[in-house]
Protein backbone atom coordinates (compact mmCIF):
# COMPACT_ATOMS: atom_id res chain seq x y z
CA MET A 1 -0.02 0.34 0.03
CA THR A 2 1.40 3.76 -0.87
CA TYR A 3 0.77 6.81 0.69
CA ASN A 4 -1.87 7.67 -2.42
CA GLU A 5 -3.76 4.43 -1.85
CA LEU A 6 -3.71 4.79 1.97
CA TRP A 7 -5.53 8.30 1.92
CA HIS A 8 -7.78 7.43 -1.07
CA GLN A 9 -9.07 4.64 1.09
CA LEU A 10 -9.54 7.02 4.22
CA ALA A 11 -11.04 10.14 2.15
CA PRO A 12 -14.67 8.74 2.02
CA ILE A 13 -14.64 8.76 5.80
CA TYR A 14 -12.51 11.77 6.67
CA GLY A 15 -12.60 13.84 3.68
CA ASP A 16 -9.37 14.66 1.32
CA GLY A 17 -7.37 16.79 3.32
CA GLU A 18 -7.66 15.22 6.75
CA ALA A 19 -7.13 11.81 5.48
CA LYS A 20 -3.71 13.04 3.49
CA ALA A 21 -2.78 14.63 7.00
CA ILE A 22 -3.67 11.10 8.56
CA ALA A 23 -1.46 9.25 5.67
CA GLN A 24 1.10 11.45 6.05
CA MET A 25 1.25 11.19 9.92
CA VAL A 26 1.24 7.47 9.79
CA TYR A 27 4.30 7.27 7.49
CA GLU A 28 5.86 9.89 9.36
CA VAL A 29 5.66 8.63 12.63
CA ARG A 30 5.74 4.54 12.26
CA PHE A 31 7.92 4.56 9.30
CA GLY A 32 9.97 7.77 9.59
CA LEU A 33 9.08 8.78 6.04
CA SER A 34 8.88 12.61 5.52
CA LEU A 35 6.65 14.11 2.71
CA SER A 36 9.81 14.73 0.89
CA ASP A 37 10.62 10.60 1.20
CA ILE A 38 6.82 9.95 0.01
CA TYR A 39 7.42 12.29 -3.17
CA LEU A 40 10.64 10.36 -3.94
CA GLY A 41 8.85 7.27 -3.89
CA LYS A 42 10.18 5.67 -0.79
CA ASP A 43 6.45 4.78 0.47
CA THR A 44 6.73 2.20 -2.03
CA GLN A 45 9.97 0.49 -0.80
CA LEU A 46 8.34 -0.79 2.72
CA SER A 47 9.23 -4.32 3.83
CA ALA A 48 6.95 -6.86 3.69
CA ASN A 49 6.50 -6.60 7.53
CA SER A 50 6.21 -2.88 7.24
CA GLN A 51 3.46 -3.50 4.57
CA ALA A 52 1.42 -5.72 6.84
CA GLU A 53 1.64 -3.25 9.67
CA LEU A 54 0.57 -0.54 7.64
CA GLU A 55 -2.50 -3.21 6.48
CA GLY A 56 -3.51 -3.24 10.27
CA ILE A 57 -2.90 0.51 10.70
CA ALA A 58 -5.33 1.18 7.81
CA GLU A 59 -7.79 -1.26 9.18
CA ARG A 60 -8.05 0.36 12.46
CA LEU A 61 -8.34 3.78 10.69
CA LEU A 62 -11.09 2.77 8.56
CA HIS A 63 -13.11 1.79 11.82
CA GLN A 64 -12.68 5.41 12.74
CA GLU A 65 -10.12 4.71 15.62
CA PRO A 66 -8.44 7.98 16.04
CA VAL A 67 -4.90 8.18 14.51
CA GLN A 68 -3.33 9.11 17.81
CA TYR A 69 -4.62 5.96 19.46
CA VAL A 70 -3.52 3.76 16.58
CA LEU A 71 0.13 5.12 16.72
CA GLY A 72 -0.04 5.66 20.34
CA GLU A 73 0.99 9.31 20.60
CA ALA A 74 -0.16 12.87 20.15
CA SER A 75 1.62 16.39 19.69
CA PHE A 76 0.86 18.70 22.47
CA CYS A 77 2.91 22.05 23.04
CA ASN A 78 5.64 20.91 20.71
CA ARG A 79 6.05 17.68 22.81
CA THR A 80 5.06 14.01 21.97
CA PHE A 81 2.86 12.55 24.51
CA HIS A 82 1.87 8.57 24.71
CA VAL A 83 -2.06 8.11 24.41
CA GLU A 84 -4.24 5.33 24.11
CA PRO A 85 -7.78 4.80 24.93
CA GLY A 86 -7.80 5.17 28.71
CA VAL A 87 -6.95 9.02 28.18
CA LEU A 88 -8.54 11.89 26.35
CA ILE A 89 -6.46 12.88 23.16
CA PRO A 90 -4.81 16.58 23.82
CA ARG A 91 -6.23 19.34 21.86
CA PRO A 92 -4.99 22.64 20.54
CA GLU A 93 -7.21 24.51 22.75
CA THR A 94 -5.92 22.95 26.00
CA ALA A 95 -2.45 23.93 24.75
CA GLU A 96 -3.73 27.48 24.43
CA LEU A 97 -4.96 27.13 28.17
CA CYS A 98 -1.27 25.97 29.15
CA GLN A 99 0.46 29.16 27.10
CA TRP A 100 -2.04 31.44 28.84
CA ILE A 101 -0.67 30.45 32.45
CA THR A 102 2.75 30.17 31.24
CA GLN A 103 2.73 33.30 29.75
CA LYS A 104 1.59 34.80 33.22
CA LYS A 105 3.93 32.57 35.06
CA HIS A 106 6.82 32.18 33.62
CA SER A 107 9.75 31.60 35.30
CA SER A 108 7.84 32.17 38.71
CA SER A 109 7.95 29.69 41.77
CA CYS A 110 4.46 28.34 42.49
CA HIS A 111 2.40 25.50 43.27
CA ILE A 112 0.04 24.18 40.64
CA LEU A 113 -2.74 21.52 41.24
CA ASP A 114 -3.90 19.94 37.93
CA ILE A 115 -7.46 18.42 38.21
CA GLY A 116 -8.26 15.54 35.99
CA THR A 117 -4.91 15.34 34.38
CA GLY A 118 -5.72 12.50 31.88
CA SER A 119 -2.46 11.95 29.90
CA GLY A 120 -0.56 14.17 31.93
CA CYS A 121 -0.31 17.01 29.41
CA ILE A 122 -1.38 20.33 31.22
CA ALA A 123 0.76 19.07 34.11
CA ILE A 124 3.55 18.07 32.76
CA THR A 125 3.65 20.94 30.17
CA LEU A 126 3.06 23.51 33.23
CA ALA A 127 6.15 21.44 35.05
CA LEU A 128 8.47 22.07 32.10
CA ASP A 129 7.50 25.51 30.95
CA ILE A 130 7.56 27.08 34.46
CA PRO A 131 10.77 26.00 35.73
CA GLN A 132 10.27 26.54 39.31
CA ALA A 133 6.76 25.33 39.63
CA GLN A 134 5.70 22.42 41.95
CA VAL A 135 2.93 20.48 40.22
CA THR A 136 0.75 18.02 41.71
CA ALA A 137 -1.83 16.37 39.36
CA TRP A 138 -4.96 14.26 39.97
CA ASP A 139 -6.97 11.82 38.54
CA ILE A 140 -10.13 9.01 39.37
CA SER A 141 -8.56 6.68 36.76
CA SER A 142 -5.57 4.62 37.93
CA THR A 143 -5.18 3.78 34.08
CA ALA A 144 -4.77 7.30 33.22
CA LEU A 145 -2.22 8.06 35.91
CA GLU A 146 -0.07 4.87 34.51
CA ILE A 147 -0.08 6.66 31.04
CA ALA A 148 0.59 10.03 32.80
CA ARG A 149 3.41 8.88 35.23
CA LYS A 150 5.11 7.28 32.12
CA ASN A 151 4.63 10.47 29.95
CA ALA A 152 6.10 12.62 32.63
CA GLN A 153 9.24 9.97 32.97
CA GLN A 154 9.76 9.86 29.07
CA LEU A 155 9.73 13.95 29.38
CA ASN A 156 11.65 14.17 32.29
CA ALA A 157 9.22 16.08 33.88
CA ASP A 158 8.67 16.60 37.88
CA VAL A 159 5.33 15.93 38.51
CA THR A 160 3.54 14.15 41.82
CA PHE A 161 0.66 12.31 40.46
CA GLN A 162 -2.59 11.16 43.08
CA GLU A 163 -5.59 8.96 42.49
CA VAL A 164 -8.47 11.41 43.49
CA ASP A 165 -12.28 11.43 42.78
CA VAL A 166 -12.66 15.15 42.83
CA LEU A 167 -16.30 14.76 43.40
CA SER A 168 -15.58 12.62 46.60
CA PRO A 169 -16.71 14.48 49.76
CA HIS A 170 -13.74 13.68 51.19
CA THR A 171 -11.27 15.29 48.76
CA THR A 172 -10.83 18.57 50.68
CA ARG A 173 -8.93 16.65 53.47
CA LEU A 174 -6.54 15.67 50.77
CA SER A 175 -4.77 18.79 51.33
CA PRO A 176 -2.54 18.98 54.08
CA LEU A 177 -3.24 22.64 55.01
CA ALA A 178 -5.41 25.42 53.97
CA SER A 179 -4.03 27.96 51.51
CA THR A 180 -1.66 25.19 49.27
CA PHE A 181 -1.95 25.86 45.88
CA ASP A 182 -1.00 29.13 43.68
CA ILE A 183 -2.90 27.88 40.52
CA ILE A 184 -5.72 25.08 40.52
CA VAL A 185 -6.25 24.47 36.71
CA SER A 186 -8.44 21.96 35.08
CA ASN A 187 -10.04 21.05 31.79
CA PRO A 188 -13.02 18.66 33.27
CA PRO A 189 -15.50 16.96 31.49
CA TYR A 190 -17.73 19.45 30.33
CA ILE A 191 -19.84 18.14 27.26
CA CYS A 192 -23.62 17.59 27.97
CA ASN A 193 -25.26 14.16 26.65
CA LYS A 194 -27.53 16.78 24.52
CA GLU A 195 -24.59 17.84 22.45
CA ARG A 196 -23.68 14.14 21.54
CA GLU A 197 -25.31 14.52 17.97
CA GLN A 198 -23.14 16.76 16.93
CA MET A 199 -19.64 15.17 17.79
CA GLU A 200 -17.62 12.89 15.48
CA GLN A 201 -18.31 9.35 15.61
CA ASN A 202 -14.47 8.40 16.30
CA VAL A 203 -14.51 10.71 19.46
CA LEU A 204 -17.77 9.09 20.53
CA GLU A 205 -16.80 5.52 19.94
CA HIS A 206 -13.09 5.68 21.24
CA GLU A 207 -12.20 8.41 23.82
CA PRO A 208 -13.21 7.77 27.39
CA HIS A 209 -16.79 9.11 28.27
CA THR A 210 -16.06 9.73 31.70
CA ALA A 211 -13.68 12.39 30.65
CA LEU A 212 -15.94 14.13 28.39
CA PHE A 213 -19.49 14.05 29.57
CA VAL A 214 -21.52 15.71 32.32
CA PRO A 215 -25.15 15.47 32.91
CA ASP A 216 -27.61 17.83 31.06
CA GLU A 217 -29.11 18.86 34.50
CA ASP A 218 -25.83 19.95 36.00
CA PRO A 219 -23.12 20.95 32.95
CA LEU A 220 -21.28 23.18 36.04
CA LEU A 221 -20.46 20.12 38.11
CA PHE A 222 -16.93 19.65 38.18
CA TYR A 223 -16.26 23.58 38.05
CA ARG A 224 -18.59 24.50 40.83
CA THR A 225 -16.85 21.59 42.80
CA ILE A 226 -13.46 22.48 41.91
CA ALA A 227 -14.08 26.41 42.38
CA ALA A 228 -15.48 25.42 46.09
CA TYR A 229 -12.16 23.62 47.00
CA GLY A 230 -10.30 26.60 45.45
CA LEU A 231 -11.83 28.75 48.36
CA THR A 232 -9.72 26.61 50.49
CA ALA A 233 -6.98 25.31 48.87
CA LEU A 234 -5.91 28.43 46.97
CA LYS A 235 -3.52 30.79 48.50
CA PRO A 236 -5.08 34.41 48.38
CA GLY A 237 -4.88 35.79 45.50
CA GLY A 238 -4.44 32.32 43.93
CA GLU A 239 -5.94 31.52 40.57
CA LEU A 240 -8.19 29.03 39.13
CA TYR A 241 -7.88 28.62 35.32
CA PHE A 242 -10.29 26.20 33.34
CA GLU A 243 -11.16 24.87 29.94
CA ILE A 244 -14.91 25.51 29.41
CA ASN A 245 -17.79 24.58 27.21
CA PRO A 246 -18.26 27.74 25.46
CA ILE A 247 -21.96 27.73 25.72
CA TYR A 248 -21.50 28.01 29.52
CA ALA A 249 -19.39 30.54 29.57
CA ASN A 250 -21.73 33.60 30.73
CA GLU A 251 -23.00 30.87 33.65
CA MET A 252 -19.38 30.25 34.61
CA LEU A 253 -18.88 34.20 34.91
CA GLU A 254 -21.94 34.43 37.20
CA MET A 255 -21.05 31.41 39.31
CA LEU A 256 -17.43 32.23 40.15
CA SER A 257 -18.73 35.78 40.59
CA THR A 258 -21.30 34.45 43.08
CA MET A 259 -18.51 32.29 45.00
CA LEU A 260 -16.64 35.90 45.65
CA TYR A 261 -13.80 35.24 42.86
CA HIS A 262 -12.47 38.55 41.42
CA ASP A 263 -10.99 39.76 38.31
CA ILE A 264 -12.49 37.05 36.32
CA GLU A 265 -11.33 37.02 32.63
CA ILE A 266 -12.82 34.85 29.63
CA LYS A 267 -10.59 34.37 27.10
CA GLU A 268 -11.38 32.78 23.38
CA ASP A 269 -9.39 30.17 21.66
CA GLN A 270 -8.23 30.30 18.19
CA PHE A 271 -11.60 29.71 16.70
CA GLY A 272 -13.12 32.96 18.49
CA LYS A 273 -15.09 30.61 21.09
CA PRO A 274 -15.09 31.42 24.59
CA ARG A 275 -13.09 28.45 25.75
CA MET A 276 -10.95 29.43 28.74
CA ILE A 277 -11.75 31.35 32.08
CA ASN A 278 -9.14 32.78 34.90
CA ALA A 279 -10.26 33.87 38.10
CA GLN A 280 -8.48 35.15 41.10
CA ARG A 281 -9.64 34.08 45.16
């Protein structure tokens, strides 16, 4: 199978542009061939073993399994993270959230808590990009934490990982002292079940639903819980950073104001959607 044959197989499912990007990623990541190599015809020179592997990859992609899971990696903030079905695939919007924090806190000494760390992409990025930061990361999933720890080790990031259910009423007991953290950051589940029909099938069928969805009747469940925890766990002047569902941006602003957070700022993502919010205790 050649590059052209692969993307033509994928095009009916993904469209021409995305199919070409996926095929290019497969050849580059799995077989070490750049687009220039492909133009030179090196995609026709794969060994029999590599061709067999490529056939298996194509089969998985044709079943709409995300290419990041198929290849076992995703790019995030110019680093490569291992991903598999137990964690969400890192998104560009989440990278923008990290960049917002590092722009404000670059080279400052601070204690950061990342809640719902998944692959560890936020915690590890902040640990590496804010050299003096002390970073703790929580997740309810032992599978996710195992993946996150491996990513931290691979990227040489110093992060403390803990298995914690933020919705548990006992969570507040985990902070040894009040006013522990300078920053609490989270990209929690925020998609309502009513939004499912607008989502891509490969996300619905393969990415973990516990990391995606919240009940329709309580879309701010995680935000409200984390913000309440922040009232004691954050130092005075400490900050919350959330990735948010754009359709609930106004509700987020109102909730945080009611909880007496101040200097609240909503930031748009690269697509012009209100995707991030920052507030001070």
